[in-house]
Amino acid sequence: AKNSAVLEMSSLRPEDTAVYYCAVR
């Protein structure tokens, strides 16, 4: 209904450090 996507991240690690991009196809 909102045309949205939610990424819930837990147990984050230093190697998860990055710029996160949303994409559509």
PDB file of all heavy atoms in Angstrom:
ATOM      1  N   ALA A   1       0.814  -1.203   0.000  1.00  0.00           N
ATOM      2  CA  ALA A   1       0.000   0.000   0.000  1.00  0.00           C
ATOM      3  C   ALA A   1       0.853   1.260   0.000  1.00  0.00           C
ATOM      4  O   ALA A   1       0.454   2.287  -0.538  1.00  0.00           O
ATOM      5  CB  ALA A   1      -0.945   0.000   1.195  1.00  0.00           C
ATOM      6  N   LYS A   2       2.020   1.178   0.614  1.00  0.00           N
ATOM      7  CA  LYS A   2       2.914   2.330   0.706  1.00  0.00           C
ATOM      8  C   LYS A   2       4.070   2.269  -0.278  1.00  0.00           C
ATOM      9  O   LYS A   2       4.900   3.181  -0.296  1.00  0.00           O
ATOM     10  CB  LYS A   2       3.456   2.448   2.127  1.00  0.00           C
ATOM     11  CG  LYS A   2       2.388   2.670   3.182  1.00  0.00           C
ATOM     12  CD  LYS A   2       2.997   2.788   4.571  1.00  0.00           C
ATOM     13  CE  LYS A   2       1.938   3.030   5.623  1.00  0.00           C
ATOM     14  NZ  LYS A   2       2.523   3.139   6.983  1.00  0.00           N
ATOM     15  N   ASN A   3       4.135   1.205  -1.073  1.00  0.00           N
ATOM     16  CA  ASN A   3       5.261   1.009  -1.998  1.00  0.00           C
ATOM     17  C   ASN A   3       6.595   1.171  -1.288  1.00  0.00           C
ATOM     18  O   ASN A   3       7.472   1.920  -1.740  1.00  0.00           O
ATOM     19  CB  ASN A   3       5.159   1.961  -3.185  1.00  0.00           C
ATOM     20  CG  ASN A   3       4.070   1.566  -4.160  1.00  0.00           C
ATOM     21  OD1 ASN A   3       3.788   0.384  -4.349  1.00  0.00           O
ATOM     22  ND2 ASN A   3       3.453   2.551  -4.794  1.00  0.00           N
ATOM     23  N   SER A   4       6.744   0.475  -0.180  1.00  0.00           N
ATOM     24  CA  SER A   4       7.945   0.588   0.612  1.00  0.00           C
ATOM     25  C   SER A   4       8.518  -0.790   0.916  1.00  0.00           C
ATOM     26  O   SER A   4       7.819  -1.800   0.877  1.00  0.00           O
ATOM     27  CB  SER A   4       7.676   1.336   1.920  1.00  0.00           C
ATOM     28  OG  SER A   4       6.763   0.623   2.735  1.00  0.00           O
ATOM     29  N   ALA A   5       9.801  -0.811   1.217  1.00  0.00           N
ATOM     30  CA  ALA A   5      10.500  -2.019   1.631  1.00  0.00           C
ATOM     31  C   ALA A   5      11.319  -1.697   2.865  1.00  0.00           C
ATOM     32  O   ALA A   5      12.043  -0.700   2.891  1.00  0.00           O
ATOM     33  CB  ALA A   5      11.394  -2.552   0.516  1.00  0.00           C
ATOM     34  N   VAL A   6      11.212  -2.545   3.876  1.00  0.00           N
ATOM     35  CA  VAL A   6      11.892  -2.323   5.143  1.00  0.00           C
ATOM     36  C   VAL A   6      12.872  -3.460   5.384  1.00  0.00           C
ATOM     37  O   VAL A   6      12.498  -4.632   5.353  1.00  0.00           O
ATOM     38  CB  VAL A   6      10.894  -2.228   6.310  1.00  0.00           C
ATOM     39  CG1 VAL A   6      11.633  -2.079   7.630  1.00  0.00           C
ATOM     40  CG2 VAL A   6       9.943  -1.061   6.091  1.00  0.00           C
ATOM     41  N   LEU A   7      14.114  -3.101   5.620  1.00  0.00           N
ATOM     42  CA  LEU A   7      15.153  -4.065   5.942  1.00  0.00           C
ATOM     43  C   LEU A   7      15.490  -3.922   7.418  1.00  0.00           C
ATOM     44  O   LEU A   7      16.077  -2.919   7.831  1.00  0.00           O
ATOM     45  CB  LEU A   7      16.397  -3.836   5.083  1.00  0.00           C
ATOM     46  CG  LEU A   7      17.539  -4.831   5.283  1.00  0.00           C
ATOM     47  CD1 LEU A   7      17.135  -6.214   4.777  1.00  0.00           C
ATOM     48  CD2 LEU A   7      18.799  -4.355   4.567  1.00  0.00           C
ATOM     49  N   GLU A   8      15.094  -4.915   8.203  1.00  0.00           N
ATOM     50  CA  GLU A   8      15.397  -4.926   9.624  1.00  0.00           C
ATOM     51  C   GLU A   8      16.666  -5.734   9.840  1.00  0.00           C
ATOM     52  O   GLU A   8      16.710  -6.915   9.508  1.00  0.00           O
ATOM     53  CB  GLU A   8      14.228  -5.511  10.407  1.00  0.00           C
ATOM     54  CG  GLU A   8      12.962  -4.680  10.306  1.00  0.00           C
ATOM     55  CD  GLU A   8      11.824  -5.251  11.121  1.00  0.00           C
ATOM     56  OE1 GLU A   8      11.707  -4.909  12.320  1.00  0.00           O
ATOM     57  OE2 GLU A   8      11.047  -6.060  10.553  1.00  0.00           O
ATOM     58  N   MET A   9      17.671  -5.080  10.385  1.00  0.00           N
ATOM     59  CA  MET A   9      18.976  -5.686  10.567  1.00  0.00           C
ATOM     60  C   MET A   9      19.273  -5.819  12.055  1.00  0.00           C
ATOM     61  O   MET A   9      19.130  -4.858  12.809  1.00  0.00           O
ATOM     62  CB  MET A   9      20.061  -4.850   9.891  1.00  0.00           C
ATOM     63  CG  MET A   9      19.806  -4.586   8.410  1.00  0.00           C
ATOM     64  SD  MET A   9      21.202  -3.780   7.587  1.00  0.00           S
ATOM     65  CE  MET A   9      21.182  -2.193   8.426  1.00  0.00           C
ATOM     66  N   SER A  10      19.703  -6.991  12.450  1.00  0.00           N
ATOM     67  CA  SER A  10      20.087  -7.245  13.828  1.00  0.00           C
ATOM     68  C   SER A  10      21.459  -7.907  13.843  1.00  0.00           C
ATOM     69  O   SER A  10      21.979  -8.317  12.810  1.00  0.00           O
ATOM     70  CB  SER A  10      19.050  -8.120  14.533  1.00  0.00           C
ATOM     71  OG  SER A  10      18.938  -9.380  13.904  1.00  0.00           O
ATOM     72  N   SER A  11      22.025  -8.006  15.039  1.00  0.00           N
ATOM     73  CA  SER A  11      23.347  -8.616  15.210  1.00  0.00           C
ATOM     74  C   SER A  11      24.360  -8.038  14.239  1.00  0.00           C
ATOM     75  O   SER A  11      25.139  -8.760  13.608  1.00  0.00           O
ATOM     76  CB  SER A  11      23.256 -10.132  15.054  1.00  0.00           C
ATOM     77  OG  SER A  11      22.360 -10.698  15.986  1.00  0.00           O
ATOM     78  N   LEU A  12      24.363  -6.736  14.124  1.00  0.00           N
ATOM     79  CA  LEU A  12      25.231  -6.078  13.152  1.00  0.00           C
ATOM     80  C   LEU A  12      26.701  -6.251  13.516  1.00  0.00           C
ATOM     81  O   LEU A  12      27.062  -6.284  14.695  1.00  0.00           O
ATOM     82  CB  LEU A  12      24.885  -4.602  13.050  1.00  0.00           C
ATOM     83  CG  LEU A  12      23.590  -4.313  12.279  1.00  0.00           C
ATOM     84  CD1 LEU A  12      23.116  -2.896  12.529  1.00  0.00           C
ATOM     85  CD2 LEU A  12      23.805  -4.553  10.786  1.00  0.00           C
ATOM     86  N   ARG A  13      27.510  -6.358  12.488  1.00  0.00           N
ATOM     87  CA  ARG A  13      28.939  -6.553  12.618  1.00  0.00           C
ATOM     88  C   ARG A  13      29.686  -5.404  11.966  1.00  0.00           C
ATOM     89  O   ARG A  13      29.152  -4.744  11.084  1.00  0.00           O
ATOM     90  CB  ARG A  13      29.354  -7.868  11.940  1.00  0.00           C
ATOM     91  CG  ARG A  13      28.584  -9.084  12.401  1.00  0.00           C
ATOM     92  CD  ARG A  13      28.723 -10.220  11.403  1.00  0.00           C
ATOM     93  NE  ARG A  13      28.004 -11.409  11.820  1.00  0.00           N
ATOM     94  CZ  ARG A  13      27.722 -12.438  11.025  1.00  0.00           C
ATOM     95  NH1 ARG A  13      28.118 -12.422   9.752  1.00  0.00           N
ATOM     96  NH2 ARG A  13      27.059 -13.480  11.499  1.00  0.00           N
ATOM     97  N   PRO A  14      30.926  -5.159  12.373  1.00  0.00           N
ATOM     98  CA  PRO A  14      31.700  -4.102  11.717  1.00  0.00           C
ATOM     99  C   PRO A  14      31.789  -4.277  10.207  1.00  0.00           C
ATOM    100  O   PRO A  14      31.807  -3.276   9.480  1.00  0.00           O
ATOM    101  CB  PRO A  14      33.076  -4.211  12.379  1.00  0.00           C
ATOM    102  CG  PRO A  14      32.774  -4.734  13.740  1.00  0.00           C
ATOM    103  CD  PRO A  14      31.629  -5.694  13.554  1.00  0.00           C
ATOM    104  N   GLU A  15      31.830  -5.505   9.727  1.00  0.00           N
ATOM    105  CA  GLU A  15      31.906  -5.738   8.291  1.00  0.00           C
ATOM    106  C   GLU A  15      30.607  -5.406   7.559  1.00  0.00           C
ATOM    107  O   GLU A  15      30.576  -5.417   6.327  1.00  0.00           O
ATOM    108  CB  GLU A  15      32.316  -7.185   7.990  1.00  0.00           C
ATOM    109  CG  GLU A  15      31.470  -8.229   8.685  1.00  0.00           C
ATOM    110  CD  GLU A  15      32.095  -8.735   9.975  1.00  0.00           C
ATOM    111  OE1 GLU A  15      32.642  -7.917  10.739  1.00  0.00           O
ATOM    112  OE2 GLU A  15      32.040  -9.959  10.213  1.00  0.00           O
ATOM    113  N   ASP A  16      29.542  -5.102   8.294  1.00  0.00           N
ATOM    114  CA  ASP A  16      28.316  -4.621   7.682  1.00  0.00           C
ATOM    115  C   ASP A  16      28.385  -3.136   7.346  1.00  0.00           C
ATOM    116  O   ASP A  16      27.463  -2.606   6.723  1.00  0.00           O
ATOM    117  CB  ASP A  16      27.114  -4.870   8.598  1.00  0.00           C
ATOM    118  CG  ASP A  16      26.814  -6.350   8.792  1.00  0.00           C
ATOM    119  OD1 ASP A  16      26.899  -7.108   7.804  1.00  0.00           O
ATOM    120  OD2 ASP A  16      26.481  -6.742   9.929  1.00  0.00           O
ATOM    121  N   THR A  17      29.433  -2.464   7.766  1.00  0.00           N
ATOM    122  CA  THR A  17      29.593  -1.041   7.492  1.00  0.00           C
ATOM    123  C   THR A  17      29.664  -0.799   5.990  1.00  0.00           C
ATOM    124  O   THR A  17      30.501  -1.370   5.295  1.00  0.00           O
ATOM    125  CB  THR A  17      30.849  -0.500   8.174  1.00  0.00           C
ATOM    126  OG1 THR A  17      30.702  -0.600   9.597  1.00  0.00           O
ATOM    127  CG2 THR A  17      31.083   0.959   7.801  1.00  0.00           C
ATOM    128  N   ALA A  18      28.780   0.051   5.492  1.00  0.00           N
ATOM    129  CA  ALA A  18      28.701   0.328   4.060  1.00  0.00           C
ATOM    130  C   ALA A  18      27.625   1.373   3.822  1.00  0.00           C
ATOM    131  O   ALA A  18      26.853   1.710   4.723  1.00  0.00           O
ATOM    132  CB  ALA A  18      28.372  -0.941   3.266  1.00  0.00           C
ATOM    133  N   VAL A  19      27.581   1.868   2.598  1.00  0.00           N
ATOM    134  CA  VAL A  19      26.432   2.630   2.136  1.00  0.00           C
ATOM    135  C   VAL A  19      25.418   1.633   1.599  1.00  0.00           C
ATOM    136  O   VAL A  19      25.748   0.804   0.745  1.00  0.00           O
ATOM    137  CB  VAL A  19      26.813   3.655   1.056  1.00  0.00           C
ATOM    138  CG1 VAL A  19      25.570   4.381   0.549  1.00  0.00           C
ATOM    139  CG2 VAL A  19      27.814   4.657   1.605  1.00  0.00           C
ATOM    140  N   TYR A  20      24.209   1.719   2.086  1.00  0.00           N
ATOM    141  CA  TYR A  20      23.155   0.806   1.680  1.00  0.00           C
ATOM    142  C   TYR A  20      22.225   1.501   0.700  1.00  0.00           C
ATOM    143  O   TYR A  20      21.745   2.611   0.956  1.00  0.00           O
ATOM    144  CB  TYR A  20      22.371   0.316   2.895  1.00  0.00           C
ATOM    145  CG  TYR A  20      23.113  -0.741   3.682  1.00  0.00           C
ATOM    146  CD1 TYR A  20      24.247  -0.417   4.412  1.00  0.00           C
ATOM    147  CD2 TYR A  20      22.681  -2.064   3.675  1.00  0.00           C
ATOM    148  CE1 TYR A  20      24.944  -1.382   5.115  1.00  0.00           C
ATOM    149  CE2 TYR A  20      23.362  -3.035   4.380  1.00  0.00           C
ATOM    150  CZ  TYR A  20      24.497  -2.692   5.097  1.00  0.00           C
ATOM    151  OH  TYR A  20      25.178  -3.658   5.799  1.00  0.00           O
ATOM    152  N   TYR A  21      21.964   0.835  -0.421  1.00  0.00           N
ATOM    153  CA  TYR A  21      21.160   1.392  -1.494  1.00  0.00           C
ATOM    154  C   TYR A  21      19.902   0.573  -1.711  1.00  0.00           C
ATOM    155  O   TYR A  21      19.948  -0.657  -1.726  1.00  0.00           O
ATOM    156  CB  TYR A  21      21.939   1.411  -2.813  1.00  0.00           C
ATOM    157  CG  TYR A  21      23.171   2.275  -2.818  1.00  0.00           C
ATOM    158  CD1 TYR A  21      24.406   1.757  -2.457  1.00  0.00           C
ATOM    159  CD2 TYR A  21      23.099   3.609  -3.199  1.00  0.00           C
ATOM    160  CE1 TYR A  21      25.540   2.544  -2.466  1.00  0.00           C
ATOM    161  CE2 TYR A  21      24.229   4.397  -3.216  1.00  0.00           C
ATOM    162  CZ  TYR A  21      25.448   3.862  -2.846  1.00  0.00           C
ATOM    163  OH  TYR A  21      26.572   4.649  -2.867  1.00  0.00           O
ATOM    164  N   CYS A  22      18.806   1.257  -1.901  1.00  0.00           N
ATOM    165  CA  CYS A  22      17.571   0.620  -2.318  1.00  0.00           C
ATOM    166  C   CYS A  22      17.500   0.617  -3.841  1.00  0.00           C
ATOM    167  O   CYS A  22      17.942   1.569  -4.496  1.00  0.00           O
ATOM    168  CB  CYS A  22      16.369   1.362  -1.736  1.00  0.00           C
ATOM    169  SG  CYS A  22      14.764   0.674  -2.184  1.00  0.00           S
ATOM    170  N   ALA A  23      16.952  -0.446  -4.411  1.00  0.00           N
ATOM    171  CA  ALA A  23      16.840  -0.563  -5.852  1.00  0.00           C
ATOM    172  C   ALA A  23      15.512  -1.205  -6.234  1.00  0.00           C
ATOM    173  O   ALA A  23      14.918  -1.949  -5.450  1.00  0.00           O
ATOM    174  CB  ALA A  23      17.995  -1.389  -6.423  1.00  0.00           C
ATOM    175  N   VAL A  24      15.064  -0.926  -7.453  1.00  0.00           N
ATOM    176  CA  VAL A  24      13.822  -1.475  -7.987  1.00  0.00           C
ATOM    177  C   VAL A  24      14.073  -2.003  -9.391  1.00  0.00           C
ATOM    178  O   VAL A  24      14.812  -1.397 -10.166  1.00  0.00           O
ATOM    179  CB  VAL A  24      12.698  -0.417  -8.001  1.00  0.00           C
ATOM    180  CG1 VAL A  24      11.497  -0.919  -8.800  1.00  0.00           C
ATOM    181  CG2 VAL A  24      12.269  -0.072  -6.582  1.00  0.00           C
ATOM    182  N   ARG A  25      13.447  -3.115  -9.706  1.00  0.00           N
ATOM    183  CA  ARG A  25      13.505  -3.679 -11.042  1.00  0.00           C
ATOM    184  C   ARG A  25      12.162  -4.282 -11.392  1.00  0.00           C
ATOM    185  O   ARG A  25      11.307  -4.489 -10.516  1.00  0.00           O
ATOM    186  CB  ARG A  25      14.598  -4.745 -11.150  1.00  0.00           C
ATOM    187  CG  ARG A  25      14.406  -5.919 -10.206  1.00  0.00           C
ATOM    188  CD  ARG A  25      15.326  -7.080 -10.541  1.00  0.00           C
ATOM    189  NE  ARG A  25      14.911  -7.754 -11.762  1.00  0.00           N
ATOM    190  CZ  ARG A  25      15.569  -8.759 -12.337  1.00  0.00           C
ATOM    191  NH1 ARG A  25      16.697  -9.186 -11.788  1.00  0.00           N
ATOM    192  NH2 ARG A  25      15.115  -9.315 -13.437  1.00  0.00           N
TER     193      ARG A  25
END
